[in-house]
């Protein structure tokens, strides 16, 4: 190393400090400062006779891999057990970086007992170097009989003209998207991809264009609610464009080669086998939420001309927003839920694509599994999800294994029975009676205050009026409590109750509860303290604590309603968070939130302010505004913001303006 610094000293005088700085940078750059690792037994084509162990190696600094004097890399997809000269072969999880990424961290996994990441995951550092090779800062594996694998790097097949063409294409696409609307940008992207004539593109360009397509498609979904035909059309075009782009990573190989990468909206695995492959079977292709077992070597041997084959496996994170589960048409009326990511498996540049045996997909459940639901392994057939040629092999609460006799775009859909609709009359009973009770109470109160000078001399009449007011206000609060209970049941989705419970919640039963409880409280109060009614204002007397015959039940009801309201908020928040990111649902979120907050007033929770006014004018004003508008909030929630009611209003006013239709 000393002679290098001597040259640096000489270069300082000849070329100046900038050149010196550049040379220092190269010395520090791991791309130019590494140890060669060229053990042939590390090849994925090598099984073990005596298991090698990398725990005995003193790892220090950066390493570059070679196999038979060829550039090599650590495989970035799961490799089979008992290869690479060891029992537990180590592979890189998460794909390799690009030159622009610089030094990154990646997890290393060890394959054992048919689990690709049985040992690990521990991080190492990786860097892509300009001359098409990688360097690794390797560390000691966790157990013996484990070793780092190596696979030859695929040759760089893209020519300068191809590189210029793809770079120009990316620049053109970006400029188009800046000057056009998001929807037009997506259309233009897909049109240009369909017109690409080159067969090979560099990995970085494929990733860039694919990321642009999927991100732009997401923005279109967020900004507008497309009709089903538009969703199907866009979904087909996005699938076709994605598969075409990924197919440009497929290249000829004599043995095996693979490419893998992860973007925000998709994970991609590409595996290629050639005529001189020495593996008995290719490793399972894994993504975060899915995997596939395919006999690619058998398919290659069935191709008599080339004796080669290539498969691409993609897992889309948000494709379900285009290819919705509702496009699974069945005879029975059920709720369809997408239980997996949408995946796609395709054979590329393979003359004979006939499968030797069925392909098995393992799909992780991305939503909670309902044991009463029915799972279906489906594939996309231009305009709908169908099950032809696919079946469920195995399932549990976490994942499902599907078997299909063809390759396509696949998903796992769960069907559950629709809950029987609850009669809206039961829901409306509480609201109607809240309005009736409060209307009569406020009307009687205002009339009493208007004619107080005439009523006050008649003590018995004043006491009766105060008793009736006591009953009307209490019944109003009881109906608020009933409304809170009914709302809580609706939000908890407990409308799927038995016929016996349906009778218990009938309109008649609710009326008995709403008025009988208030009547009993008034009757008991009148018997216990008959002189408690008939104050100066023809209301309940405050002295001797008789006022608590009203405040006591009200406090209990308001406390219960507040607790139920908080539970409703928590449940609703959880439900909204678990909804699919569908535009129609997102557009309704603001309305749902407003309705929920308005229920605070409808359920009478704002009456709590009355206990804390203590002569404070601002609180009294807020109390009066909120509680005087209780009926207004009921009208807004259940009439103005109810689509069905609005349609009836439109029909009514249309009839008034245009008159009845003549037949």
Foldseek 3Di string as FASTA:
>chain_A
DVVVVVVLVVCCVVPNDVVSVVVVVLCVALVNVAAEDEDQLQAQLAFAPAQAWQLPDDADGKYFYDHPNFGKDFAAFFGDARGSHFGWEKGWHAFADDQVVAKDKTFIATDDPNDRRPFDGDIWIKHADPVGHIMIRDDHGPDTRYDTHIYGADDDDDDPVQAVVLVVVLVVLVVVPVVDPLVVSLVVLLVVLVVDDDLADDPVSLVSSLLVNVVSVVVVQQPDADDLVVLLVSLVSNVVSNVSSVSNHDDADAEKDKGWHDDPFKTKIKIKGFQNHNDPAGDWGDDPFKIKGARQQVLLCVQVPTSMWMKMKMFGRFSCLSQPQVLADDPDDWDKDFQFTKMFMDIHPRPDQQGPAWMKMKGWGPDFDDPQKDKAKWFDDSRGTDRPQKDWDDDDRTITMMIGRHGGIITMMITDHDADDQDVVLLCLLVVLLCVLVVVLVVLLVVCQVCVVVCQVPQVSLQVSQLSSQQSVQLSLQSLLVNLVVLLCVLVVVSNDDPVVSVCSDSVNSVCRSRVVSVVLSVVLCVVCVVQAGDSSSHGHPPPNSCCSRVVSNVVSLVSSVVSLVVSVVSVVVVLVPDRPGNVSVVCPVVVVVLSVLSCLLSPNLCVLVVVCPVPPVSVVVSCVSNVCNVVSVCCNVAVPDPVNVVVVVVVVCCVVVNDDDD
